């Protein structure tokens, strides 16, 4: 098996990789604190800058509209993927957040580092920490 192509130089050192649902776009988190959205169909790359240190964790909502970014600074940031805009900053961790995942229905987001946090979306686009978790 041979590689079909290689990634652009800007994303050669990706720490995390995820596919955006129903698309040909690969999302990568890198050491330089950026998120690269590489469309393999068009070979175009968009960049999101969370500005919170190295990108360690990535998750995309099941509808493909929200990207959760866990950083080394203990901040979880949410981005609206169609617009590329930051829509929320979730604080609750003291250290890096290497693990993030959406529930299959997209109503819950889990982030884990030294502790696990569950965030619940009560209103579409509005995410809050579940008060039942420590």
Protein backbone atom coordinates (compact mmCIF):
# COMPACT_ATOMS: atom_id res chain seq x y z
CA UNK A 1 0.00 0.00 0.00
CA UNK A 2 1.33 3.45 -0.91
CA UNK A 3 0.14 6.82 0.39
CA UNK A 4 -2.32 8.57 -1.91
CA UNK A 5 -0.91 11.97 -0.94
CA UNK A 6 0.89 13.78 1.84
CA UNK A 7 -0.42 16.54 4.06
CA UNK A 8 0.47 20.20 3.64
CA UNK A 9 3.66 21.17 5.54
CA UNK A 10 1.69 23.20 8.13
CA UNK A 11 0.03 20.06 9.49
CA UNK A 12 2.92 17.60 9.37
CA UNK A 13 3.10 17.48 13.19
CA UNK A 14 -0.51 16.74 14.05
CA UNK A 15 -1.24 15.47 17.56
CA UNK A 16 -4.90 14.62 16.97
CA UNK A 17 -6.84 13.65 13.85
CA UNK A 18 -10.59 13.40 13.33
CA UNK A 19 -12.85 13.36 10.27
CA UNK A 20 -15.71 15.82 10.06
CA UNK A 21 -18.94 13.86 9.57
CA UNK A 22 -20.37 13.60 6.06
CA UNK A 23 -17.39 15.38 4.49
CA UNK A 24 -13.94 14.96 3.01
CA UNK A 25 -12.42 17.20 5.68
CA UNK A 26 -9.76 16.06 8.12
CA UNK A 27 -9.41 18.09 11.30
CA UNK A 28 -5.99 18.14 12.98
CA UNK A 29 -4.71 19.63 16.21
CA UNK A 30 -1.06 20.63 16.20
CA UNK A 31 1.78 21.54 18.53
CA UNK A 32 1.62 25.18 17.44
CA UNK A 33 -1.83 25.58 19.04
CA UNK A 34 -3.80 25.60 15.83
CA UNK A 35 -6.58 23.51 14.36
CA UNK A 36 -6.32 22.78 10.65
CA UNK A 37 -9.34 21.81 8.58
CA UNK A 38 -7.93 20.12 5.48
CA UNK A 39 -10.45 19.36 2.74
CA UNK A 40 -8.94 16.45 0.84
CA UNK A 41 -11.36 16.94 -2.03
CA UNK A 42 -10.24 20.52 -2.77
CA UNK A 43 -6.82 20.34 -1.01
CA UNK A 44 -7.67 23.62 0.76
CA UNK A 45 -6.85 24.22 4.41
CA UNK A 46 -8.59 26.52 6.89
CA UNK A 47 -7.03 27.37 10.25
CA UNK A 48 -8.68 27.98 13.62
CA UNK A 49 -6.62 29.44 16.45
CA UNK A 50 -7.96 28.59 19.92
CA UNK A 51 -5.17 30.65 21.59
CA UNK A 52 -4.93 28.39 24.62
CA UNK A 53 -1.77 26.36 24.06
CA UNK A 54 -1.14 23.07 22.32
CA UNK A 55 -4.26 21.40 20.90
CA UNK A 56 -4.56 18.04 22.65
CA UNK A 57 -8.15 16.91 22.19
CA UNK A 58 -10.67 17.23 19.36
CA UNK A 59 -14.29 16.18 18.95
CA UNK A 60 -16.95 17.14 16.44
CA UNK A 61 -20.67 17.04 17.12
CA UNK A 62 -22.68 14.39 15.27
CA UNK A 63 -24.29 17.05 13.05
CA UNK A 64 -20.82 18.33 12.09
CA UNK A 65 -21.55 21.90 13.17
CA UNK A 66 -19.61 22.19 16.45
CA UNK A 67 -15.95 21.46 17.10
CA UNK A 68 -14.71 20.99 20.68
CA UNK A 69 -11.02 21.71 21.25
CA UNK A 70 -9.21 20.59 24.41
CA UNK A 71 -6.00 22.49 25.12
CA UNK A 72 -2.91 22.24 27.29
CA UNK A 73 -4.11 25.26 29.30
CA UNK A 74 -7.13 23.39 30.68
CA UNK A 75 -9.60 25.30 28.51
CA UNK A 76 -12.23 23.68 26.34
CA UNK A 77 -13.24 25.83 23.39
CA UNK A 78 -16.17 25.33 21.06
CA UNK A 79 -16.22 26.53 17.47
CA UNK A 80 -19.07 26.83 14.99
CA UNK A 81 -17.62 24.98 12.01
CA UNK A 82 -19.72 26.62 9.25
CA UNK A 83 -18.57 30.10 10.36
CA UNK A 84 -15.21 29.25 12.01
CA UNK A 85 -16.17 31.41 15.00
CA UNK A 86 -15.54 30.60 18.62
CA UNK A 87 -18.90 30.15 20.35
CA UNK A 88 -17.96 29.14 23.90
CA UNK A 89 -15.09 28.86 26.35
CA UNK A 90 -15.64 26.19 29.00
CA UNK A 91 -13.55 26.26 32.15
CA UNK A 92 -13.48 23.52 34.74
CA UNK A 93 -10.14 21.73 34.34
CA UNK A 94 -6.88 22.63 36.02
CA UNK A 95 -4.59 20.97 33.48
CA UNK A 96 -4.49 19.84 29.86
CA UNK A 97 -7.56 18.30 28.19
CA UNK A 98 -6.47 15.45 25.91
CA UNK A 99 -9.88 13.74 25.71
CA UNK A 100 -13.18 15.15 24.45
CA UNK A 101 -16.24 13.40 23.03
CA UNK A 102 -19.81 14.26 22.09
CA UNK A 103 -22.67 11.91 22.88
CA UNK A 104 -24.31 10.31 19.82
CA UNK A 105 -27.24 12.77 19.98
CA UNK A 106 -24.92 15.78 20.46
CA UNK A 107 -26.62 16.90 23.67
CA UNK A 108 -23.68 16.06 25.95
CA UNK A 109 -19.98 16.78 25.72
CA UNK A 110 -17.46 14.98 27.93
CA UNK A 111 -13.97 16.32 28.62
CA UNK A 112 -11.34 14.46 30.60
CA UNK A 113 -7.94 15.25 32.06
CA UNK A 114 -7.24 14.83 35.78
CA UNK A 115 -11.03 14.75 36.20
CA UNK A 116 -13.97 14.16 33.91
CA UNK A 117 -16.52 16.88 33.20
CA UNK A 118 -19.89 16.47 31.54
CA UNK A 119 -21.31 19.49 29.75
CA UNK A 120 -24.98 19.58 28.79
CA UNK A 121 -26.53 21.61 25.98
CA UNK A 122 -29.81 22.97 27.35
CA UNK A 123 -30.46 25.26 24.41
CA UNK A 124 -29.05 24.64 20.90
CA UNK A 125 -25.67 26.34 20.76
CA UNK A 126 -25.53 26.91 24.53
CA UNK A 127 -23.41 24.44 26.49
CA UNK A 128 -23.13 24.36 30.26
CA UNK A 129 -21.43 22.07 32.73
CA UNK A 130 -23.72 19.44 34.19
CA UNK A 131 -24.17 20.41 37.87
CA UNK A 132 -24.21 16.73 38.90
CA UNK A 133 -20.52 16.25 38.07
CA UNK A 134 -17.79 17.36 40.50
